[in-house]
Amino acid sequence: MMVFMDEIELVLPSKDLEMAALEYKEEHFDNQEYELHGSSLFDKTDSYDDWLEQLKNNSNETTVNPDWVVSTTVFAIRKRDSKIVGMVDIRHTLNEFLRTYGGNIGYGVRPSERNKGYATEILKLALKYCKQLPLQRVMLACYKDNAASRKTIIHCGGILEKEFVYTDGKTIQKFWIDL
C-alpha cells in the first residue's frame, strides 16, 4: 500500500487530540519502544497538558529552554480516519548537539503503520515546512542499522556526510538535504 501526501496532514498537538496521542504513545510502549522519535520528549512525560505547555514554550525564541532550539512538533494525521500515524519535530536552527547528533528533523511512525510509505510522506511534508522557515538545507541523522530511516532520508534527497560511533557504541549516519 502506498500513501500520498494528500492522505496525511501535519497538525499541531492540541487538547482535543489527547486521547489519540496517548493511544499513539501506548502502542509504542506495548511494542517495547520507549523512545518516540520526533516527539519532543512526549515519551518522557506523564502529563499531556505539561507536554503541550513545553511545545508552546519550544515554539518561541523567548521561552524555549536554553539548552534547546526553537522547534515545531506536529502529529502526522491520516485524513480518512483522523488516526495519528506519526510525529515529526522540526528544529528551526541547530545547536552544537543537534549539529553533531540530531539534525533539523526527527520523525517517527506508529508501529502498526510502518512499511506503508508514511515515513517518506511525513518527511516530505516536513521538508516543505522547512522551506517556509526559510532554511536552505536540513540535517538528519539516524543509526546506521535503521535501514528504513536511512532509505527514507535518501529517497527524499539525503546525501551522506559522514558516519561516526555514538556514545552507545552504535554508528550514526549524518545526512544533508538541500531544499
N, C-alpha and C. Protein backbone atom coordinates (compact mmCIF):
# COMPACT_ATOMS: atom_id res chain seq x y z
N MET A 1 0.84 -1.19 0.00
CA MET A 1 0.00 0.00 0.00
C MET A 1 0.88 1.24 0.00
N MET A 2 0.61 2.15 -0.86
CA MET A 2 1.38 3.39 -0.96
C MET A 2 0.50 4.55 -0.55
N VAL A 3 1.07 5.45 0.23
CA VAL A 3 0.32 6.64 0.63
C VAL A 3 0.81 7.84 -0.15
N PHE A 4 -0.01 8.85 -0.18
CA PHE A 4 0.32 10.09 -0.87
C PHE A 4 0.12 11.25 0.09
N MET A 5 0.85 12.35 -0.17
CA MET A 5 0.83 13.47 0.75
C MET A 5 -0.57 13.99 1.04
N ASP A 6 -1.49 13.84 0.12
CA ASP A 6 -2.83 14.36 0.40
C ASP A 6 -3.62 13.44 1.32
N GLU A 7 -3.02 12.30 1.71
CA GLU A 7 -3.69 11.38 2.62
C GLU A 7 -3.38 11.70 4.08
N ILE A 8 -2.30 12.43 4.32
CA ILE A 8 -1.95 12.81 5.69
C ILE A 8 -1.73 14.31 5.75
N GLU A 9 -1.85 14.84 6.96
CA GLU A 9 -1.56 16.25 7.18
C GLU A 9 -0.83 16.40 8.50
N LEU A 10 -0.04 17.45 8.59
CA LEU A 10 0.67 17.76 9.82
C LEU A 10 -0.20 18.69 10.64
N VAL A 11 -0.44 18.30 11.91
CA VAL A 11 -1.36 19.03 12.77
C VAL A 11 -0.68 19.30 14.11
N LEU A 12 -0.77 20.54 14.56
CA LEU A 12 -0.22 20.88 15.87
C LEU A 12 -0.97 20.14 16.97
N PRO A 13 -0.26 19.60 17.95
CA PRO A 13 -0.93 18.94 19.06
C PRO A 13 -1.84 19.91 19.80
N SER A 14 -2.97 19.40 20.25
CA SER A 14 -3.94 20.20 20.99
C SER A 14 -4.64 19.31 22.00
N LYS A 15 -5.36 19.94 22.89
CA LYS A 15 -6.05 19.20 23.95
C LYS A 15 -7.03 18.18 23.37
N ASP A 16 -7.70 18.52 22.29
CA ASP A 16 -8.69 17.60 21.73
C ASP A 16 -8.05 16.35 21.09
N LEU A 17 -6.74 16.34 20.93
CA LEU A 17 -6.05 15.17 20.39
C LEU A 17 -5.41 14.31 21.48
N GLU A 18 -5.70 14.62 22.73
CA GLU A 18 -5.05 13.94 23.85
C GLU A 18 -5.25 12.43 23.81
N MET A 19 -6.47 11.96 23.67
CA MET A 19 -6.71 10.51 23.70
C MET A 19 -6.00 9.81 22.54
N ALA A 20 -6.07 10.40 21.36
CA ALA A 20 -5.38 9.81 20.20
C ALA A 20 -3.87 9.79 20.42
N ALA A 21 -3.34 10.85 21.04
CA ALA A 21 -1.91 10.92 21.30
C ALA A 21 -1.48 9.88 22.33
N LEU A 22 -2.28 9.70 23.37
CA LEU A 22 -1.95 8.71 24.39
C LEU A 22 -2.02 7.29 23.81
N GLU A 23 -2.95 7.04 22.90
CA GLU A 23 -3.02 5.74 22.22
C GLU A 23 -1.78 5.52 21.36
N TYR A 24 -1.33 6.59 20.69
CA TYR A 24 -0.12 6.52 19.87
C TYR A 24 1.07 6.13 20.75
N LYS A 25 1.21 6.81 21.88
CA LYS A 25 2.32 6.52 22.79
C LYS A 25 2.21 5.11 23.34
N GLU A 26 1.02 4.71 23.73
CA GLU A 26 0.82 3.38 24.31
C GLU A 26 1.16 2.27 23.30
N GLU A 27 0.83 2.50 22.03
CA GLU A 27 1.17 1.48 21.03
C GLU A 27 2.67 1.28 20.94
N HIS A 28 3.43 2.36 21.01
CA HIS A 28 4.90 2.23 21.01
C HIS A 28 5.35 1.45 22.25
N PHE A 29 4.86 1.85 23.41
CA PHE A 29 5.27 1.19 24.65
C PHE A 29 4.88 -0.29 24.64
N ASP A 30 3.69 -0.61 24.11
CA ASP A 30 3.25 -2.01 24.01
C ASP A 30 4.18 -2.82 23.12
N ASN A 31 4.88 -2.15 22.20
CA ASN A 31 5.85 -2.79 21.32
C ASN A 31 7.28 -2.68 21.85
N GLN A 32 7.41 -2.38 23.13
CA GLN A 32 8.70 -2.23 23.80
C GLN A 32 9.57 -1.16 23.17
N GLU A 33 8.92 -0.12 22.63
CA GLU A 33 9.63 1.05 22.10
C GLU A 33 9.36 2.20 23.06
N TYR A 34 10.38 2.60 23.79
CA TYR A 34 10.19 3.60 24.84
C TYR A 34 10.74 4.96 24.46
N GLU A 35 11.21 5.09 23.23
CA GLU A 35 11.64 6.38 22.70
C GLU A 35 10.79 6.69 21.48
N LEU A 36 10.04 7.78 21.57
CA LEU A 36 9.18 8.19 20.45
C LEU A 36 9.92 9.24 19.65
N HIS A 37 10.45 8.84 18.51
CA HIS A 37 11.21 9.77 17.67
C HIS A 37 10.31 10.88 17.16
N GLY A 38 10.86 12.10 17.14
CA GLY A 38 10.12 13.25 16.65
C GLY A 38 9.05 13.75 17.58
N SER A 39 9.12 13.37 18.85
CA SER A 39 8.03 13.69 19.78
C SER A 39 8.34 14.78 20.79
N SER A 40 9.53 15.34 20.75
CA SER A 40 9.90 16.38 21.72
C SER A 40 9.64 15.92 23.15
N LEU A 41 10.10 14.71 23.43
CA LEU A 41 10.05 14.08 24.75
C LEU A 41 8.64 13.73 25.24
N PHE A 42 7.70 13.53 24.33
CA PHE A 42 6.36 13.06 24.72
C PHE A 42 6.46 11.73 25.45
N ASP A 43 7.45 10.92 25.09
CA ASP A 43 7.66 9.62 25.72
C ASP A 43 8.12 9.75 27.17
N LYS A 44 8.63 10.89 27.56
CA LYS A 44 9.20 11.08 28.90
C LYS A 44 8.26 11.81 29.86
N THR A 45 7.09 12.21 29.39
CA THR A 45 6.19 12.98 30.24
C THR A 45 4.95 12.16 30.60
N ASP A 46 4.46 12.38 31.81
CA ASP A 46 3.23 11.72 32.25
C ASP A 46 2.03 12.63 32.08
N SER A 47 2.27 13.90 31.80
CA SER A 47 1.17 14.86 31.69
C SER A 47 1.09 15.43 30.28
N TYR A 48 0.01 15.15 29.61
CA TYR A 48 -0.19 15.68 28.26
C TYR A 48 -0.24 17.21 28.30
N ASP A 49 -0.90 17.76 29.31
CA ASP A 49 -1.00 19.22 29.42
C ASP A 49 0.38 19.86 29.60
N ASP A 50 1.22 19.23 30.43
CA ASP A 50 2.59 19.75 30.60
C ASP A 50 3.36 19.68 29.29
N TRP A 51 3.17 18.60 28.54
CA TRP A 51 3.84 18.45 27.25
C TRP A 51 3.38 19.53 26.27
N LEU A 52 2.07 19.81 26.24
CA LEU A 52 1.57 20.88 25.38
C LEU A 52 2.19 22.22 25.75
N GLU A 53 2.35 22.47 27.04
CA GLU A 53 2.97 23.71 27.50
C GLU A 53 4.44 23.76 27.07
N GLN A 54 5.12 22.63 27.15
CA GLN A 54 6.52 22.55 26.70
C GLN A 54 6.61 22.87 25.21
N LEU A 55 5.71 22.31 24.41
CA LEU A 55 5.72 22.57 22.97
C LEU A 55 5.50 24.05 22.69
N LYS A 56 4.57 24.65 23.43
CA LYS A 56 4.31 26.08 23.27
C LYS A 56 5.58 26.88 23.58
N ASN A 57 6.24 26.54 24.66
CA ASN A 57 7.48 27.23 25.03
C ASN A 57 8.58 27.01 23.99
N ASN A 58 8.66 25.79 23.46
CA ASN A 58 9.69 25.47 22.47
C ASN A 58 9.48 26.19 21.14
N SER A 59 8.27 26.66 20.90
CA SER A 59 7.97 27.29 19.61
C SER A 59 8.31 28.77 19.58
N ASN A 60 8.81 29.31 20.69
CA ASN A 60 9.06 30.74 20.79
C ASN A 60 10.49 30.99 21.28
N GLU A 61 11.18 31.86 20.58
CA GLU A 61 12.58 32.15 20.92
C GLU A 61 12.76 32.68 22.34
N THR A 62 11.77 33.39 22.86
CA THR A 62 11.90 33.97 24.19
C THR A 62 11.57 32.99 25.32
N THR A 63 10.91 31.86 24.99
CA THR A 63 10.51 30.93 26.05
C THR A 63 11.12 29.53 25.90
N VAL A 64 11.86 29.29 24.81
CA VAL A 64 12.43 27.97 24.60
C VAL A 64 13.47 27.69 25.69
N ASN A 65 13.56 26.44 26.12
CA ASN A 65 14.56 26.01 27.09
C ASN A 65 15.94 26.43 26.56
N PRO A 66 16.79 27.01 27.39
CA PRO A 66 18.10 27.50 26.92
C PRO A 66 18.98 26.42 26.28
N ASP A 67 18.76 25.16 26.62
CA ASP A 67 19.55 24.08 26.05
C ASP A 67 18.95 23.54 24.74
N TRP A 68 17.80 24.08 24.33
CA TRP A 68 17.10 23.62 23.15
C TRP A 68 17.10 24.71 22.09
N VAL A 69 16.48 24.42 20.96
CA VAL A 69 16.29 25.42 19.90
C VAL A 69 14.80 25.53 19.61
N VAL A 70 14.41 26.62 18.98
CA VAL A 70 13.01 26.78 18.60
C VAL A 70 12.63 25.64 17.66
N SER A 71 11.47 25.05 17.92
CA SER A 71 11.04 23.92 17.11
C SER A 71 9.52 23.89 16.99
N THR A 72 9.09 23.12 16.01
CA THR A 72 7.66 22.87 15.80
C THR A 72 7.48 21.36 15.81
N THR A 73 6.66 20.88 16.72
CA THR A 73 6.38 19.45 16.82
C THR A 73 4.93 19.23 16.41
N VAL A 74 4.72 18.28 15.50
CA VAL A 74 3.37 18.05 14.97
C VAL A 74 3.08 16.57 14.85
N PHE A 75 1.78 16.28 14.85
CA PHE A 75 1.31 14.94 14.55
C PHE A 75 1.11 14.81 13.05
N ALA A 76 1.37 13.64 12.51
CA ALA A 76 1.01 13.31 11.13
C ALA A 76 -0.29 12.51 11.25
N ILE A 77 -1.37 13.10 10.76
CA ILE A 77 -2.69 12.50 10.91
C ILE A 77 -3.24 12.08 9.56
N ARG A 78 -3.71 10.83 9.52
CA ARG A 78 -4.33 10.32 8.30
C ARG A 78 -5.73 10.93 8.20
N LYS A 79 -6.00 11.55 7.07
CA LYS A 79 -7.23 12.31 6.90
C LYS A 79 -8.49 11.45 6.94
N ARG A 80 -8.44 10.25 6.37
CA ARG A 80 -9.68 9.47 6.23
C ARG A 80 -10.25 8.97 7.55
N ASP A 81 -9.38 8.80 8.58
CA ASP A 81 -9.90 8.31 9.86
C ASP A 81 -9.35 9.08 11.07
N SER A 82 -8.60 10.16 10.82
CA SER A 82 -8.04 11.03 11.87
C SER A 82 -7.10 10.28 12.83
N LYS A 83 -6.50 9.22 12.36
CA LYS A 83 -5.56 8.46 13.19
C LYS A 83 -4.17 9.09 13.11
N ILE A 84 -3.53 9.21 14.26
CA ILE A 84 -2.14 9.68 14.29
C ILE A 84 -1.26 8.53 13.79
N VAL A 85 -0.60 8.74 12.66
CA VAL A 85 0.26 7.70 12.10
C VAL A 85 1.73 7.99 12.37
N GLY A 86 2.05 9.22 12.80
CA GLY A 86 3.43 9.55 13.08
C GLY A 86 3.55 10.90 13.74
N MET A 87 4.79 11.25 14.04
CA MET A 87 5.11 12.55 14.61
C MET A 87 6.39 13.06 13.97
N VAL A 88 6.54 14.38 13.98
CA VAL A 88 7.77 14.97 13.47
C VAL A 88 8.09 16.22 14.28
N ASP A 89 9.35 16.36 14.62
CA ASP A 89 9.86 17.53 15.33
C ASP A 89 10.78 18.26 14.37
N ILE A 90 10.42 19.51 14.05
CA ILE A 90 11.19 20.32 13.10
C ILE A 90 11.91 21.40 13.90
N ARG A 91 13.23 21.31 13.91
CA ARG A 91 14.05 22.29 14.65
C ARG A 91 14.47 23.39 13.69
N HIS A 92 14.15 24.61 14.05
CA HIS A 92 14.34 25.75 13.15
C HIS A 92 15.81 26.12 12.97
N THR A 93 16.63 25.79 13.95
CA THR A 93 18.07 26.03 13.88
C THR A 93 18.77 24.82 14.51
N LEU A 94 20.08 24.84 14.48
CA LEU A 94 20.85 23.77 15.10
C LEU A 94 21.76 24.33 16.19
N ASN A 95 21.76 23.69 17.35
CA ASN A 95 22.76 24.00 18.37
C ASN A 95 23.88 22.97 18.20
N GLU A 96 24.87 23.00 19.06
CA GLU A 96 26.02 22.11 18.91
C GLU A 96 25.61 20.64 18.94
N PHE A 97 24.74 20.28 19.89
CA PHE A 97 24.30 18.88 19.99
C PHE A 97 23.58 18.44 18.73
N LEU A 98 22.61 19.24 18.27
CA LEU A 98 21.84 18.87 17.08
C LEU A 98 22.72 18.84 15.83
N ARG A 99 23.68 19.76 15.75
CA ARG A 99 24.58 19.82 14.60
C ARG A 99 25.45 18.55 14.54
N THR A 100 25.73 17.99 15.71
CA THR A 100 26.57 16.80 15.77
C THR A 100 25.76 15.51 15.66
N TYR A 101 24.63 15.44 16.37
CA TYR A 101 23.93 14.16 16.50
C TYR A 101 22.50 14.11 15.96
N GLY A 102 21.75 15.21 16.03
CA GLY A 102 20.32 15.09 15.84
C GLY A 102 19.76 15.61 14.54
N GLY A 103 20.15 16.83 14.18
CA GLY A 103 19.65 17.42 12.96
C GLY A 103 18.42 18.29 13.13
N ASN A 104 17.93 18.77 12.00
CA ASN A 104 16.77 19.66 11.98
C ASN A 104 15.45 18.92 12.10
N ILE A 105 15.42 17.67 11.69
CA ILE A 105 14.16 16.94 11.65
C ILE A 105 14.33 15.58 12.31
N GLY A 106 13.41 15.30 13.22
CA GLY A 106 13.29 13.97 13.80
C GLY A 106 11.86 13.50 13.57
N TYR A 107 11.68 12.27 13.17
CA TYR A 107 10.33 11.79 12.88
C TYR A 107 10.19 10.33 13.30
N GLY A 108 8.96 9.93 13.50
CA GLY A 108 8.67 8.54 13.84
C GLY A 108 7.31 8.15 13.29
N VAL A 109 7.13 6.85 13.12
CA VAL A 109 5.88 6.30 12.61
C VAL A 109 5.36 5.26 13.60
N ARG A 110 4.06 5.29 13.81
CA ARG A 110 3.36 4.34 14.67
C ARG A 110 3.70 2.91 14.22
N PRO A 111 3.99 1.99 15.16
CA PRO A 111 4.39 0.64 14.78
C PRO A 111 3.43 -0.06 13.81
N SER A 112 2.14 0.06 14.02
CA SER A 112 1.18 -0.63 13.15
C SER A 112 1.04 0.00 11.77
N GLU A 113 1.66 1.16 11.56
CA GLU A 113 1.54 1.87 10.28
C GLU A 113 2.85 1.91 9.50
N ARG A 114 3.83 1.16 9.94
CA ARG A 114 5.12 1.15 9.26
C ARG A 114 5.08 0.33 7.97
N ASN A 115 6.03 0.62 7.11
CA ASN A 115 6.16 -0.07 5.83
C ASN A 115 4.97 0.18 4.91
N LYS A 116 4.37 1.35 5.06
CA LYS A 116 3.24 1.73 4.20
C LYS A 116 3.52 3.04 3.46
N GLY A 117 4.73 3.60 3.63
CA GLY A 117 5.08 4.84 2.94
C GLY A 117 4.87 6.09 3.76
N TYR A 118 4.42 5.96 5.01
CA TYR A 118 4.14 7.16 5.81
C TYR A 118 5.40 7.94 6.16
N ALA A 119 6.50 7.27 6.45
CA ALA A 119 7.73 7.99 6.82
C ALA A 119 8.16 8.92 5.70
N THR A 120 8.12 8.44 4.48
CA THR A 120 8.52 9.28 3.34
C THR A 120 7.60 10.47 3.21
N GLU A 121 6.31 10.27 3.34
CA GLU A 121 5.37 11.38 3.19
C GLU A 121 5.49 12.37 4.35
N ILE A 122 5.73 11.86 5.55
CA ILE A 122 5.93 12.75 6.70
C ILE A 122 7.17 13.61 6.47
N LEU A 123 8.25 12.97 6.03
CA LEU A 123 9.48 13.73 5.78
C LEU A 123 9.29 14.74 4.66
N LYS A 124 8.59 14.37 3.60
CA LYS A 124 8.32 15.32 2.51
C LYS A 124 7.54 16.54 3.02
N LEU A 125 6.54 16.30 3.85
CA LEU A 125 5.76 17.42 4.41
C LEU A 125 6.62 18.28 5.34
N ALA A 126 7.49 17.64 6.10
CA ALA A 126 8.40 18.38 6.98
C ALA A 126 9.36 19.24 6.17
N LEU A 127 9.87 18.69 5.07
CA LEU A 127 10.78 19.46 4.21
C LEU A 127 10.06 20.65 3.60
N LYS A 128 8.83 20.46 3.21
CA LYS A 128 8.02 21.56 2.67
C LYS A 128 7.86 22.66 3.73
N TYR A 129 7.62 22.26 4.97
CA TYR A 129 7.51 23.23 6.07
C TYR A 129 8.84 23.97 6.26
N CYS A 130 9.95 23.25 6.20
CA CYS A 130 11.27 23.86 6.39
C CYS A 130 11.56 24.94 5.36
N LYS A 131 11.05 24.77 4.15
CA LYS A 131 11.26 25.79 3.11
C LYS A 131 10.62 27.11 3.50
N GLN A 132 9.58 27.07 4.33
CA GLN A 132 8.89 28.28 4.75
C GLN A 132 9.60 28.98 5.90
N LEU A 133 10.60 28.35 6.53
CA LEU A 133 11.22 28.93 7.72
C LEU A 133 12.08 30.17 7.48
N PRO A 134 12.82 30.41 6.52
CA PRO A 134 13.29 29.54 5.43
C PRO A 134 14.65 28.94 5.77
N LEU A 135 14.81 27.71 5.42
CA LEU A 135 16.10 27.04 5.54
C LEU A 135 16.58 26.67 4.14
N GLN A 136 17.88 26.70 3.93
CA GLN A 136 18.45 26.33 2.64
C GLN A 136 18.71 24.83 2.54
N ARG A 137 19.03 24.24 3.69
CA ARG A 137 19.27 22.80 3.75
C ARG A 137 19.02 22.35 5.18
N VAL A 138 18.76 21.05 5.32
CA VAL A 138 18.50 20.50 6.65
C VAL A 138 19.36 19.27 6.87
N MET A 139 19.65 19.04 8.14
CA MET A 139 20.42 17.87 8.53
C MET A 139 19.50 16.85 9.18
N LEU A 140 19.73 15.59 8.88
CA LEU A 140 19.05 14.49 9.54
C LEU A 140 20.09 13.45 9.92
N ALA A 141 19.80 12.70 10.96
CA ALA A 141 20.72 11.65 11.39
C ALA A 141 19.91 10.42 11.79
N CYS A 142 20.50 9.27 11.60
CA CYS A 142 19.86 8.02 12.04
C CYS A 142 20.96 7.00 12.33
N TYR A 143 20.58 6.00 13.10
CA TYR A 143 21.51 4.91 13.31
C TYR A 143 21.70 4.15 12.00
N LYS A 144 22.91 3.72 11.76
CA LYS A 144 23.22 3.01 10.52
C LYS A 144 22.40 1.74 10.38
N ASP A 145 22.08 1.10 11.51
CA ASP A 145 21.31 -0.14 11.44
C ASP A 145 19.80 0.09 11.26
N ASN A 146 19.37 1.36 11.18
CA ASN A 146 17.97 1.68 10.93
C ASN A 146 17.78 1.85 9.42
N ALA A 147 17.69 0.71 8.73
CA ALA A 147 17.62 0.72 7.27
C ALA A 147 16.41 1.49 6.75
N ALA A 148 15.29 1.40 7.44
CA ALA A 148 14.07 2.09 6.97
C ALA A 148 14.26 3.60 6.99
N SER A 149 14.83 4.12 8.07
CA SER A 149 15.03 5.57 8.17
C SER A 149 16.06 6.04 7.15
N ARG A 150 17.15 5.29 7.03
CA ARG A 150 18.18 5.64 6.05
C ARG A 150 17.59 5.69 4.64
N LYS A 151 16.81 4.68 4.29
CA LYS A 151 16.18 4.61 2.97
C LYS A 151 15.24 5.81 2.75
N THR A 152 14.48 6.17 3.78
CA THR A 152 13.57 7.31 3.68
C THR A 152 14.33 8.60 3.44
N ILE A 153 15.39 8.82 4.21
CA ILE A 153 16.18 10.04 4.08
C ILE A 153 16.81 10.13 2.68
N ILE A 154 17.37 9.04 2.22
CA ILE A 154 18.00 9.03 0.89
C ILE A 154 16.94 9.25 -0.19
N HIS A 155 15.79 8.62 -0.05
CA HIS A 155 14.70 8.79 -1.03
C HIS A 155 14.25 10.25 -1.13
N CYS A 156 14.37 10.98 -0.02
CA CYS A 156 13.96 12.40 0.00
C CYS A 156 15.12 13.34 -0.32
N GLY A 157 16.22 12.81 -0.81
CA GLY A 157 17.33 13.64 -1.26
C GLY A 157 18.52 13.71 -0.33
N GLY A 158 18.52 12.90 0.72
CA GLY A 158 19.61 12.93 1.68
C GLY A 158 20.94 12.49 1.10
N ILE A 159 21.97 13.27 1.39
CA ILE A 159 23.34 12.96 0.98
C ILE A 159 24.15 12.70 2.25
N LEU A 160 24.75 11.52 2.32
CA LEU A 160 25.53 11.13 3.49
C LEU A 160 26.76 12.02 3.61
N GLU A 161 26.91 12.67 4.77
CA GLU A 161 28.10 13.47 5.02
C GLU A 161 29.17 12.64 5.73
N LYS A 162 28.75 11.90 6.76
CA LYS A 162 29.72 11.10 7.50
C LYS A 162 29.02 10.10 8.39
N GLU A 163 29.83 9.16 8.88
CA GLU A 163 29.40 8.18 9.87
C GLU A 163 30.32 8.31 11.07
N PHE A 164 29.79 8.06 12.26
CA PHE A 164 30.62 8.07 13.46
C PHE A 164 29.95 7.22 14.52
N VAL A 165 30.73 6.81 15.50
CA VAL A 165 30.22 5.97 16.57
C VAL A 165 29.75 6.87 17.71
N TYR A 166 28.50 6.66 18.13
CA TYR A 166 27.89 7.42 19.23
C TYR A 166 28.34 6.83 20.56
N THR A 167 28.00 7.50 21.65
CA THR A 167 28.42 7.05 22.98
C THR A 167 27.84 5.68 23.35
N ASP A 168 26.75 5.27 22.70
CA ASP A 168 26.16 3.96 22.98
C ASP A 168 26.83 2.84 22.18
N GLY A 169 27.85 3.20 21.39
CA GLY A 169 28.59 2.22 20.60
C GLY A 169 28.00 1.96 19.23
N LYS A 170 26.85 2.57 18.93
CA LYS A 170 26.21 2.37 17.62
C LYS A 170 26.67 3.45 16.64
N THR A 171 26.69 3.10 15.37
CA THR A 171 27.11 4.03 14.33
C THR A 171 25.96 4.91 13.90
N ILE A 172 26.21 6.21 13.86
CA ILE A 172 25.24 7.19 13.39
C ILE A 172 25.66 7.66 12.01
N GLN A 173 24.67 7.84 11.14
CA GLN A 173 24.90 8.42 9.83
C GLN A 173 24.28 9.81 9.81
N LYS A 174 25.04 10.77 9.30
CA LYS A 174 24.61 12.17 9.23
C LYS A 174 24.40 12.54 7.77
N PHE A 175 23.18 13.02 7.46
CA PHE A 175 22.80 13.37 6.09
C PHE A 175 22.42 14.84 5.99
N TRP A 176 22.53 15.40 4.79
CA TRP A 176 22.04 16.74 4.47
C TRP A 176 21.08 16.66 3.28
N ILE A 177 20.04 17.44 3.34
CA ILE A 177 19.11 17.56 2.22
C ILE A 177 19.04 19.02 1.83
N ASP A 178 19.37 19.32 0.57
CA ASP A 178 19.23 20.68 0.06
C ASP A 178 17.76 20.95 -0.26
N LEU A 179 17.30 22.11 0.17
CA LEU A 179 15.91 22.47 -0.10
C LEU A 179 15.81 23.30 -1.35
